[in-house]
N, C-alpha and C. Protein backbone atom coordinates (compact mmCIF):
# COMPACT_ATOMS: atom_id res chain seq x y z
N UNK A 1 49.04 20.32 -11.66
CA UNK A 1 50.43 20.06 -11.41
C UNK A 1 51.27 21.17 -12.04
N UNK A 2 52.06 21.83 -11.29
CA UNK A 2 52.87 22.94 -11.78
C UNK A 2 54.34 22.54 -11.80
N UNK A 3 55.01 22.85 -12.91
CA UNK A 3 56.44 22.59 -13.01
C UNK A 3 57.13 23.88 -13.42
N UNK A 4 58.44 23.91 -13.31
CA UNK A 4 59.20 25.10 -13.70
C UNK A 4 59.55 25.07 -15.18
N UNK A 5 59.22 23.98 -15.87
CA UNK A 5 59.56 23.85 -17.27
C UNK A 5 58.36 23.43 -18.11
N UNK A 6 58.30 23.96 -19.30
CA UNK A 6 57.32 23.49 -20.29
C UNK A 6 57.88 22.19 -20.85
N UNK A 7 57.00 21.27 -21.17
CA UNK A 7 57.40 19.98 -21.74
C UNK A 7 56.99 19.97 -23.21
N UNK A 8 57.91 19.54 -24.08
CA UNK A 8 57.67 19.51 -25.51
C UNK A 8 58.04 18.16 -26.10
N UNK A 9 57.43 17.84 -27.23
CA UNK A 9 57.80 16.66 -28.01
C UNK A 9 57.98 17.17 -29.44
N UNK A 10 59.09 16.80 -30.05
CA UNK A 10 59.41 17.23 -31.41
C UNK A 10 59.52 16.00 -32.29
N UNK A 11 58.89 16.06 -33.45
CA UNK A 11 58.98 14.97 -34.42
C UNK A 11 59.54 15.54 -35.72
N UNK A 12 60.58 14.89 -36.22
CA UNK A 12 61.20 15.25 -37.48
C UNK A 12 60.85 14.17 -38.49
N UNK A 13 60.20 14.58 -39.58
CA UNK A 13 59.80 13.63 -40.61
C UNK A 13 60.52 13.94 -41.91
N UNK A 14 61.02 12.91 -42.53
CA UNK A 14 61.71 13.02 -43.82
C UNK A 14 60.63 12.93 -44.90
N UNK A 15 60.36 14.04 -45.60
CA UNK A 15 59.26 14.08 -46.56
C UNK A 15 59.67 13.78 -47.99
N UNK A 16 60.91 14.05 -48.35
CA UNK A 16 61.35 13.82 -49.73
C UNK A 16 62.85 13.61 -49.74
N UNK A 17 63.33 12.95 -50.76
CA UNK A 17 64.76 12.71 -50.92
C UNK A 17 65.27 13.47 -52.14
N UNK A 18 66.57 13.53 -52.27
CA UNK A 18 67.17 14.17 -53.44
C UNK A 18 67.28 13.20 -54.61
N UNK A 19 67.13 11.91 -54.34
CA UNK A 19 67.25 10.89 -55.37
C UNK A 19 66.08 9.93 -55.26
N UNK A 20 65.44 9.61 -56.38
CA UNK A 20 64.24 8.75 -56.34
C UNK A 20 64.46 7.38 -55.69
N UNK A 21 65.66 6.82 -55.84
CA UNK A 21 65.90 5.48 -55.27
C UNK A 21 66.22 5.52 -53.77
N UNK A 22 66.43 6.70 -53.24
CA UNK A 22 66.77 6.82 -51.82
C UNK A 22 65.51 6.66 -50.97
N UNK A 23 65.60 5.86 -49.94
CA UNK A 23 64.47 5.63 -49.04
C UNK A 23 64.33 6.79 -48.05
N UNK A 24 63.10 7.01 -47.62
CA UNK A 24 62.85 8.00 -46.58
C UNK A 24 63.29 7.44 -45.24
N UNK A 25 63.81 8.30 -44.40
CA UNK A 25 64.18 7.89 -43.04
C UNK A 25 62.94 7.83 -42.17
N UNK A 26 62.97 6.95 -41.21
CA UNK A 26 61.88 6.87 -40.24
C UNK A 26 61.86 8.15 -39.41
N UNK A 27 60.68 8.59 -38.99
CA UNK A 27 60.61 9.78 -38.15
C UNK A 27 61.40 9.62 -36.86
N UNK A 28 61.92 10.73 -36.38
CA UNK A 28 62.63 10.78 -35.10
C UNK A 28 61.82 11.67 -34.18
N UNK A 29 61.50 11.17 -33.01
CA UNK A 29 60.73 11.92 -32.03
C UNK A 29 61.50 11.95 -30.73
N UNK A 30 61.57 13.13 -30.11
CA UNK A 30 62.17 13.21 -28.79
C UNK A 30 61.46 14.27 -27.98
N UNK A 31 61.55 14.11 -26.68
CA UNK A 31 60.93 15.06 -25.75
C UNK A 31 62.01 15.86 -25.06
N UNK A 32 61.67 17.08 -24.68
CA UNK A 32 62.60 17.94 -23.96
C UNK A 32 61.81 18.96 -23.16
N UNK A 33 62.50 19.57 -22.22
CA UNK A 33 61.90 20.60 -21.38
C UNK A 33 62.61 21.92 -21.63
N UNK A 34 61.89 23.01 -21.43
CA UNK A 34 62.48 24.33 -21.54
C UNK A 34 61.71 25.27 -20.62
N UNK A 35 62.42 26.19 -19.98
CA UNK A 35 61.75 27.10 -19.07
C UNK A 35 60.92 28.15 -19.81
N UNK A 36 61.17 28.31 -21.11
CA UNK A 36 60.44 29.29 -21.90
C UNK A 36 59.24 28.66 -22.61
N UNK A 37 58.25 29.51 -22.91
CA UNK A 37 57.14 29.12 -23.76
C UNK A 37 57.63 29.27 -25.20
N UNK A 38 58.01 28.18 -25.83
CA UNK A 38 58.60 28.23 -27.16
C UNK A 38 57.66 28.78 -28.21
N UNK A 39 56.36 28.58 -28.05
CA UNK A 39 55.42 29.11 -29.02
C UNK A 39 55.37 30.64 -28.95
N UNK A 40 55.52 31.21 -27.77
CA UNK A 40 55.59 32.67 -27.64
C UNK A 40 56.86 33.20 -28.28
N UNK A 41 57.96 32.47 -28.13
CA UNK A 41 59.22 32.88 -28.75
C UNK A 41 59.12 32.80 -30.26
N UNK A 42 58.52 31.73 -30.77
CA UNK A 42 58.32 31.61 -32.22
C UNK A 42 57.53 32.80 -32.75
N UNK A 43 56.48 33.17 -32.04
CA UNK A 43 55.66 34.32 -32.46
C UNK A 43 56.48 35.61 -32.46
N UNK A 44 57.30 35.82 -31.44
CA UNK A 44 58.12 37.04 -31.36
C UNK A 44 59.14 37.11 -32.49
N UNK A 45 59.81 36.00 -32.75
CA UNK A 45 60.83 35.99 -33.81
C UNK A 45 60.16 36.18 -35.17
N UNK A 46 59.02 35.54 -35.38
CA UNK A 46 58.29 35.74 -36.65
C UNK A 46 57.86 37.19 -36.81
N UNK A 47 57.32 37.77 -35.75
CA UNK A 47 56.82 39.15 -35.86
C UNK A 47 57.95 40.17 -36.00
N UNK A 48 59.17 39.81 -35.61
CA UNK A 48 60.31 40.71 -35.80
C UNK A 48 60.69 40.83 -37.27
N UNK A 49 60.25 39.88 -38.07
CA UNK A 49 60.47 39.88 -39.52
C UNK A 49 61.94 39.99 -39.90
N UNK A 50 62.81 39.32 -39.15
CA UNK A 50 64.23 39.24 -39.51
C UNK A 50 64.42 38.25 -40.65
N UNK A 51 63.49 37.30 -40.75
CA UNK A 51 63.53 36.26 -41.77
C UNK A 51 62.10 35.94 -42.19
N UNK A 52 61.90 35.28 -43.32
CA UNK A 52 60.56 34.77 -43.64
C UNK A 52 60.06 33.86 -42.51
N UNK A 53 58.75 33.77 -42.36
CA UNK A 53 58.13 33.07 -41.21
C UNK A 53 58.66 31.65 -41.01
N UNK A 54 58.79 30.87 -42.09
CA UNK A 54 59.28 29.49 -41.95
C UNK A 54 60.72 29.46 -41.43
N UNK A 55 61.57 30.33 -41.96
CA UNK A 55 62.95 30.38 -41.51
C UNK A 55 63.04 30.91 -40.09
N UNK A 56 62.18 31.85 -39.74
CA UNK A 56 62.18 32.39 -38.38
C UNK A 56 61.85 31.30 -37.37
N UNK A 57 60.91 30.43 -37.73
CA UNK A 57 60.57 29.31 -36.83
C UNK A 57 61.77 28.37 -36.68
N UNK A 58 62.45 28.08 -37.78
CA UNK A 58 63.64 27.21 -37.72
C UNK A 58 64.72 27.85 -36.85
N UNK A 59 64.94 29.15 -37.05
CA UNK A 59 65.95 29.86 -36.26
C UNK A 59 65.61 29.83 -34.78
N UNK A 60 64.39 30.20 -34.44
CA UNK A 60 64.01 30.27 -33.03
C UNK A 60 64.11 28.90 -32.36
N UNK A 61 63.61 27.89 -33.01
CA UNK A 61 63.64 26.55 -32.42
C UNK A 61 65.07 26.02 -32.36
N UNK A 62 65.84 26.25 -33.41
CA UNK A 62 67.23 25.79 -33.42
C UNK A 62 68.06 26.45 -32.34
N UNK A 63 67.88 27.75 -32.17
CA UNK A 63 68.62 28.48 -31.13
C UNK A 63 68.25 27.97 -29.75
N UNK A 64 66.96 27.73 -29.52
CA UNK A 64 66.54 27.24 -28.20
C UNK A 64 67.03 25.82 -27.93
N UNK A 65 66.96 24.94 -28.94
CA UNK A 65 67.44 23.57 -28.74
C UNK A 65 68.95 23.55 -28.51
N UNK A 66 69.69 24.31 -29.31
CA UNK A 66 71.13 24.39 -29.11
C UNK A 66 71.44 24.99 -27.74
N UNK A 67 70.71 26.01 -27.36
CA UNK A 67 70.92 26.65 -26.06
C UNK A 67 70.76 25.69 -24.90
N UNK A 68 69.78 24.80 -24.99
CA UNK A 68 69.59 23.80 -23.92
C UNK A 68 70.82 22.92 -23.76
N UNK A 69 71.37 22.48 -24.87
CA UNK A 69 72.55 21.60 -24.83
C UNK A 69 73.76 22.38 -24.33
N UNK A 70 73.94 23.59 -24.86
CA UNK A 70 75.09 24.40 -24.44
C UNK A 70 75.03 24.74 -22.96
N UNK A 71 73.86 25.05 -22.47
CA UNK A 71 73.71 25.38 -21.05
C UNK A 71 74.10 24.19 -20.19
N UNK A 72 73.67 23.01 -20.59
CA UNK A 72 73.98 21.81 -19.81
C UNK A 72 75.47 21.47 -19.84
N UNK A 73 76.17 21.90 -20.89
CA UNK A 73 77.58 21.51 -21.06
C UNK A 73 78.51 22.71 -21.19
N UNK A 74 78.09 23.86 -20.72
CA UNK A 74 78.84 25.11 -20.95
C UNK A 74 80.25 25.12 -20.34
N UNK A 75 80.52 24.29 -19.36
CA UNK A 75 81.84 24.28 -18.74
C UNK A 75 82.79 23.26 -19.39
N UNK A 76 82.28 22.49 -20.33
CA UNK A 76 83.11 21.53 -21.04
C UNK A 76 83.89 22.27 -22.13
N UNK A 77 85.16 21.98 -22.29
CA UNK A 77 86.00 22.72 -23.25
C UNK A 77 85.44 22.78 -24.67
N UNK A 78 84.83 21.72 -25.13
CA UNK A 78 84.29 21.70 -26.49
C UNK A 78 83.23 22.78 -26.70
N UNK A 79 82.48 23.13 -25.65
CA UNK A 79 81.34 24.03 -25.78
C UNK A 79 81.59 25.45 -25.28
N UNK A 80 82.72 25.71 -24.66
CA UNK A 80 82.97 27.01 -24.02
C UNK A 80 82.83 28.18 -24.99
N UNK A 81 83.54 28.13 -26.10
CA UNK A 81 83.47 29.25 -27.05
C UNK A 81 82.10 29.37 -27.69
N UNK A 82 81.51 28.25 -28.02
CA UNK A 82 80.19 28.27 -28.63
C UNK A 82 79.15 28.83 -27.66
N UNK A 83 79.26 28.50 -26.39
CA UNK A 83 78.35 29.03 -25.37
C UNK A 83 78.41 30.56 -25.36
N UNK A 84 79.60 31.10 -25.39
CA UNK A 84 79.76 32.56 -25.37
C UNK A 84 79.18 33.19 -26.64
N UNK A 85 79.49 32.64 -27.80
CA UNK A 85 78.98 33.18 -29.06
C UNK A 85 77.46 33.05 -29.12
N UNK A 86 76.93 31.94 -28.65
CA UNK A 86 75.48 31.73 -28.64
C UNK A 86 74.81 32.78 -27.75
N UNK A 87 75.37 33.02 -26.59
CA UNK A 87 74.79 34.01 -25.67
C UNK A 87 74.77 35.40 -26.30
N UNK A 88 75.85 35.77 -26.97
CA UNK A 88 75.91 37.07 -27.64
C UNK A 88 74.88 37.15 -28.76
N UNK A 89 74.75 36.08 -29.55
CA UNK A 89 73.78 36.06 -30.63
C UNK A 89 72.36 36.20 -30.10
N UNK A 90 72.03 35.47 -29.04
CA UNK A 90 70.69 35.54 -28.46
C UNK A 90 70.38 36.96 -27.99
N UNK A 91 71.34 37.63 -27.38
CA UNK A 91 71.13 39.01 -26.94
C UNK A 91 70.85 39.93 -28.13
N UNK A 92 71.60 39.76 -29.21
CA UNK A 92 71.36 40.57 -30.42
C UNK A 92 69.98 40.29 -31.00
N UNK A 93 69.60 39.02 -31.06
CA UNK A 93 68.30 38.66 -31.59
C UNK A 93 67.19 39.23 -30.73
N UNK A 94 67.34 39.16 -29.42
CA UNK A 94 66.33 39.73 -28.51
C UNK A 94 66.21 41.23 -28.69
N UNK A 95 67.35 41.93 -28.81
CA UNK A 95 67.28 43.39 -28.96
C UNK A 95 66.67 43.75 -30.31
N UNK A 96 66.94 42.97 -31.35
CA UNK A 96 66.35 43.22 -32.65
C UNK A 96 64.83 42.97 -32.61
N UNK A 97 64.43 41.93 -31.91
CA UNK A 97 63.01 41.62 -31.79
C UNK A 97 62.27 42.71 -31.02
N UNK A 98 62.90 43.21 -29.96
CA UNK A 98 62.28 44.29 -29.18
C UNK A 98 62.18 45.57 -29.99
N UNK A 99 63.22 45.88 -30.75
CA UNK A 99 63.22 47.10 -31.58
C UNK A 99 62.15 47.01 -32.65
N UNK A 100 61.95 45.82 -33.22
CA UNK A 100 60.93 45.63 -34.26
C UNK A 100 59.53 45.74 -33.68
N UNK A 101 59.37 45.35 -32.42
CA UNK A 101 58.05 45.38 -31.78
C UNK A 101 57.65 46.79 -31.38
N UNK A 102 58.64 47.67 -31.19
CA UNK A 102 58.35 49.04 -30.74
C UNK A 102 57.78 49.90 -31.84
């Protein structure tokens, strides 16, 4: 079965609190689709060495998740400016990643 989107499931687990009496939150899991292979993007951003590997993964995944929402709502007034800034940032990140790979 071939689709135009990769399917992903993300689980966020609360591992520790700032206060001993505070309870851990239950995990949150959600599924989403993206036309990109996110694991390939994670590898590219990590190999560009713009940030330590853990932060690079957070950046790459955060940018892609935010991008999905912005793309879906880019014509709504609340998201218009952010959509433009996000697009510019992604282009800079891509050019930096390409320059690092060369």
